[in-house]
N, C-alpha and C. Protein backbone atom coordinates (compact mmCIF):
# COMPACT_ATOMS: atom_id res chain seq x y z
N MET A 1 1.83 -21.85 22.39
CA MET A 1 1.41 -23.24 22.45
C MET A 1 1.15 -23.61 23.91
N ASP A 2 0.11 -24.35 24.15
CA ASP A 2 -0.09 -24.78 25.53
C ASP A 2 0.81 -25.97 25.83
N LEU A 3 0.90 -26.35 27.09
CA LEU A 3 1.86 -27.36 27.55
C LEU A 3 1.63 -28.72 26.91
N SER A 4 0.37 -29.14 26.72
CA SER A 4 0.11 -30.47 26.14
C SER A 4 0.61 -30.54 24.69
N VAL A 5 0.43 -29.49 23.94
CA VAL A 5 0.91 -29.48 22.54
C VAL A 5 2.43 -29.47 22.52
N GLN A 6 3.05 -28.73 23.42
CA GLN A 6 4.52 -28.70 23.51
C GLN A 6 5.05 -30.10 23.83
N GLN A 7 4.41 -30.80 24.76
CA GLN A 7 4.86 -32.14 25.13
C GLN A 7 4.69 -33.12 23.98
N MET A 8 3.58 -33.01 23.23
CA MET A 8 3.37 -33.89 22.07
C MET A 8 4.43 -33.63 20.99
N ALA A 9 4.83 -32.37 20.83
CA ALA A 9 5.82 -32.02 19.83
C ALA A 9 7.24 -32.29 20.31
N GLY A 10 7.41 -32.51 21.60
CA GLY A 10 8.74 -32.77 22.15
C GLY A 10 9.59 -31.51 22.19
N CYS A 11 8.95 -30.37 22.35
CA CYS A 11 9.66 -29.10 22.37
C CYS A 11 9.04 -28.22 23.44
N LEU A 12 9.70 -28.11 24.57
CA LEU A 12 9.18 -27.32 25.67
C LEU A 12 9.75 -25.90 25.62
N MET A 13 8.85 -24.92 25.73
CA MET A 13 9.27 -23.53 25.73
C MET A 13 10.10 -23.25 26.98
N GLY A 14 11.22 -22.62 26.81
CA GLY A 14 12.10 -22.32 27.94
C GLY A 14 13.17 -23.37 28.14
N ALA A 15 12.92 -24.60 27.69
CA ALA A 15 13.92 -25.67 27.83
C ALA A 15 14.53 -25.98 26.46
N ASP A 16 13.67 -26.37 25.51
CA ASP A 16 14.15 -26.73 24.17
C ASP A 16 14.11 -25.54 23.20
N TYR A 17 13.33 -24.55 23.53
CA TYR A 17 13.15 -23.39 22.65
C TYR A 17 13.09 -22.16 23.54
N PRO A 18 13.75 -21.07 23.16
CA PRO A 18 13.76 -19.90 24.06
C PRO A 18 12.39 -19.25 24.20
N LEU A 19 12.16 -18.68 25.37
CA LEU A 19 10.93 -17.93 25.62
C LEU A 19 10.97 -16.62 24.82
N PRO A 20 9.82 -16.04 24.53
CA PRO A 20 9.79 -14.77 23.81
C PRO A 20 10.54 -13.68 24.57
N ILE A 21 11.23 -12.82 23.84
CA ILE A 21 12.00 -11.74 24.46
C ILE A 21 11.08 -10.58 24.84
N VAL A 22 10.08 -10.31 23.99
CA VAL A 22 9.15 -9.20 24.26
C VAL A 22 7.71 -9.73 24.18
N GLU A 23 6.82 -9.00 24.80
CA GLU A 23 5.40 -9.29 24.67
C GLU A 23 4.93 -8.69 23.36
N ASP A 24 4.42 -9.52 22.45
CA ASP A 24 4.04 -9.06 21.11
C ASP A 24 3.06 -7.90 21.15
N LYS A 25 1.97 -8.06 21.86
CA LYS A 25 0.91 -7.06 21.87
C LYS A 25 1.38 -5.74 22.48
N ALA A 26 2.13 -5.82 23.56
CA ALA A 26 2.61 -4.61 24.22
C ALA A 26 3.62 -3.87 23.33
N ALA A 27 4.50 -4.63 22.67
CA ALA A 27 5.49 -4.01 21.79
C ALA A 27 4.82 -3.37 20.58
N MET A 28 3.81 -4.03 20.02
CA MET A 28 3.10 -3.49 18.87
C MET A 28 2.34 -2.22 19.27
N LYS A 29 1.72 -2.21 20.42
CA LYS A 29 0.99 -1.03 20.86
C LYS A 29 1.95 0.13 21.08
N ALA A 30 3.10 -0.14 21.68
CA ALA A 30 4.08 0.92 21.93
C ALA A 30 4.60 1.49 20.60
N ALA A 31 4.85 0.63 19.62
CA ALA A 31 5.34 1.09 18.32
C ALA A 31 4.27 1.93 17.60
N LYS A 32 3.02 1.48 17.65
CA LYS A 32 1.93 2.25 17.02
C LYS A 32 1.76 3.61 17.68
N ASP A 33 1.83 3.62 19.01
CA ASP A 33 1.69 4.89 19.72
C ASP A 33 2.80 5.86 19.32
N ARG A 34 4.03 5.37 19.20
CA ARG A 34 5.14 6.23 18.78
C ARG A 34 4.95 6.73 17.35
N MET A 35 4.52 5.85 16.44
CA MET A 35 4.32 6.25 15.04
C MET A 35 3.23 7.29 14.93
N TYR A 36 2.10 7.08 15.58
CA TYR A 36 1.02 8.05 15.51
C TYR A 36 1.42 9.36 16.18
N GLY A 37 2.23 9.28 17.23
CA GLY A 37 2.73 10.50 17.87
C GLY A 37 3.64 11.28 16.94
N LEU A 38 4.47 10.58 16.19
CA LEU A 38 5.36 11.25 15.24
C LEU A 38 4.59 11.91 14.10
N ARG A 39 3.48 11.30 13.69
CA ARG A 39 2.69 11.86 12.59
C ARG A 39 2.07 13.20 12.97
N LYS A 40 1.93 13.46 14.24
CA LYS A 40 1.30 14.70 14.68
C LYS A 40 2.30 15.84 14.83
N THR A 41 3.58 15.59 14.65
CA THR A 41 4.58 16.65 14.80
C THR A 41 4.52 17.60 13.61
N PRO A 42 4.94 18.85 13.80
CA PRO A 42 4.93 19.82 12.69
C PRO A 42 5.79 19.38 11.50
N ASN A 43 6.93 18.77 11.76
CA ASN A 43 7.79 18.32 10.65
C ASN A 43 7.10 17.25 9.81
N ALA A 44 6.43 16.33 10.47
CA ALA A 44 5.72 15.26 9.75
C ALA A 44 4.59 15.84 8.92
N ARG A 45 3.90 16.82 9.46
CA ARG A 45 2.81 17.44 8.71
C ARG A 45 3.33 18.18 7.48
N LEU A 46 4.48 18.86 7.62
CA LEU A 46 5.09 19.54 6.46
C LEU A 46 5.50 18.53 5.40
N GLU A 47 6.10 17.43 5.82
CA GLU A 47 6.49 16.38 4.87
C GLU A 47 5.29 15.81 4.15
N ALA A 48 4.21 15.56 4.89
CA ALA A 48 3.00 15.00 4.29
C ALA A 48 2.40 15.98 3.29
N ALA A 49 2.40 17.26 3.61
CA ALA A 49 1.88 18.27 2.68
C ALA A 49 2.74 18.34 1.43
N ASP A 50 4.05 18.21 1.58
CA ASP A 50 4.96 18.23 0.43
C ASP A 50 4.72 17.02 -0.47
N VAL A 51 4.57 15.85 0.12
CA VAL A 51 4.30 14.64 -0.66
C VAL A 51 2.96 14.77 -1.39
N GLN A 52 1.95 15.28 -0.71
CA GLN A 52 0.64 15.46 -1.34
C GLN A 52 0.73 16.44 -2.51
N ALA A 53 1.49 17.50 -2.35
CA ALA A 53 1.62 18.49 -3.42
C ALA A 53 2.31 17.89 -4.64
N ARG A 54 3.30 17.03 -4.40
CA ARG A 54 4.04 16.43 -5.52
C ARG A 54 3.34 15.23 -6.13
N HIS A 55 2.70 14.42 -5.32
CA HIS A 55 2.20 13.13 -5.81
C HIS A 55 0.71 12.91 -5.57
N GLY A 56 -0.01 13.93 -5.16
CA GLY A 56 -1.40 13.76 -4.76
C GLY A 56 -2.33 13.48 -5.93
N SER A 57 -3.56 13.22 -5.60
CA SER A 57 -4.59 12.90 -6.57
C SER A 57 -4.87 14.10 -7.46
N ARG A 58 -5.20 13.82 -8.70
CA ARG A 58 -5.55 14.90 -9.63
C ARG A 58 -6.92 15.48 -9.29
N LYS A 59 -7.65 14.84 -8.43
CA LYS A 59 -8.94 15.36 -8.00
C LYS A 59 -8.76 16.57 -7.10
N SER A 60 -7.54 16.87 -6.74
CA SER A 60 -7.28 17.97 -5.82
C SER A 60 -7.29 19.33 -6.51
N GLY A 61 -7.62 19.38 -7.78
CA GLY A 61 -7.67 20.66 -8.46
C GLY A 61 -6.57 20.85 -9.50
N LEU A 62 -5.67 19.89 -9.61
CA LEU A 62 -4.62 20.00 -10.62
C LEU A 62 -5.22 19.79 -12.00
N PRO A 63 -4.64 20.40 -13.04
CA PRO A 63 -5.17 20.17 -14.39
C PRO A 63 -4.94 18.73 -14.82
N THR A 64 -5.79 18.23 -15.72
CA THR A 64 -5.64 16.86 -16.22
C THR A 64 -4.41 16.78 -17.11
N SER A 65 -3.90 15.58 -17.28
CA SER A 65 -2.67 15.41 -18.05
C SER A 65 -2.92 15.34 -19.54
N GLY A 66 -4.13 15.26 -19.99
CA GLY A 66 -4.41 15.19 -21.42
C GLY A 66 -5.89 15.06 -21.67
N PRO A 67 -6.28 15.03 -22.95
CA PRO A 67 -7.71 14.91 -23.23
C PRO A 67 -8.23 13.54 -22.84
N ARG A 68 -9.45 13.51 -22.41
CA ARG A 68 -10.07 12.25 -22.02
C ARG A 68 -10.79 11.66 -23.22
N ARG A 69 -10.73 10.34 -23.35
CA ARG A 69 -11.36 9.65 -24.46
C ARG A 69 -12.83 9.40 -24.15
N ASN A 70 -13.67 9.61 -25.13
CA ASN A 70 -15.10 9.33 -24.98
C ASN A 70 -15.27 7.82 -25.05
N PRO A 71 -15.82 7.17 -24.00
CA PRO A 71 -15.93 5.71 -24.02
C PRO A 71 -16.89 5.19 -25.10
N LYS A 72 -17.80 6.04 -25.59
CA LYS A 72 -18.73 5.60 -26.62
C LYS A 72 -18.16 5.78 -28.03
N ALA A 73 -17.09 6.53 -28.15
CA ALA A 73 -16.50 6.76 -29.47
C ALA A 73 -15.79 5.49 -29.94
N PRO A 74 -15.82 5.19 -31.24
CA PRO A 74 -15.13 3.99 -31.72
C PRO A 74 -13.61 4.14 -31.57
N ARG A 75 -12.98 3.04 -31.29
CA ARG A 75 -11.51 3.03 -31.18
C ARG A 75 -10.92 3.00 -32.57
N VAL A 76 -9.70 3.45 -32.69
CA VAL A 76 -9.03 3.46 -33.99
C VAL A 76 -8.92 2.05 -34.53
N SER A 77 -8.70 1.07 -33.66
CA SER A 77 -8.56 -0.31 -34.12
C SER A 77 -9.89 -0.87 -34.64
N ASP A 78 -11.03 -0.26 -34.28
CA ASP A 78 -12.33 -0.73 -34.73
C ASP A 78 -12.71 -0.17 -36.11
N LEU A 79 -12.06 0.89 -36.52
CA LEU A 79 -12.39 1.52 -37.80
C LEU A 79 -11.71 0.78 -38.95
N PRO A 80 -12.33 0.73 -40.13
CA PRO A 80 -11.67 0.07 -41.27
C PRO A 80 -10.43 0.85 -41.69
N SER A 81 -9.40 0.14 -42.09
CA SER A 81 -8.15 0.77 -42.49
C SER A 81 -8.25 1.29 -43.93
N PRO A 82 -7.92 2.56 -44.18
CA PRO A 82 -7.96 3.07 -45.54
C PRO A 82 -6.87 2.44 -46.41
N GLN A 83 -5.84 1.85 -45.84
CA GLN A 83 -4.77 1.23 -46.63
C GLN A 83 -5.22 -0.07 -47.28
N GLY A 84 -6.25 -0.70 -46.72
CA GLY A 84 -6.75 -1.94 -47.30
C GLY A 84 -7.28 -1.73 -48.71
N ASP A 85 -7.78 -0.54 -49.04
CA ASP A 85 -8.30 -0.24 -50.36
C ASP A 85 -7.18 -0.12 -51.41
N LEU A 86 -5.97 0.15 -51.00
CA LEU A 86 -4.86 0.34 -51.93
C LEU A 86 -4.48 -0.96 -52.66
N PHE A 87 -4.71 -2.08 -52.02
CA PHE A 87 -4.26 -3.35 -52.58
C PHE A 87 -5.41 -4.20 -53.09
N ALA A 88 -6.58 -3.65 -53.29
CA ALA A 88 -7.75 -4.41 -53.73
C ALA A 88 -7.76 -4.62 -55.23
């Protein structure tokens, strides 16, 4: 907040409210740099490969989990029920 807004609000930074402890942008950049640095380590790469092997996309060559339904085929709920004829 600039000084005029602080004076209108009756809350001066450093007097009525504490000043920031860290610089937001510098702290965020340092944290991102550390995270990206950790991702490049051999252990992180092994972990990522393990997660991909266990939970990765089926497009990676794994077999499908079951037969795929033809979108043009009628659904079972759309077909007439053969039980309806029993009570006619």
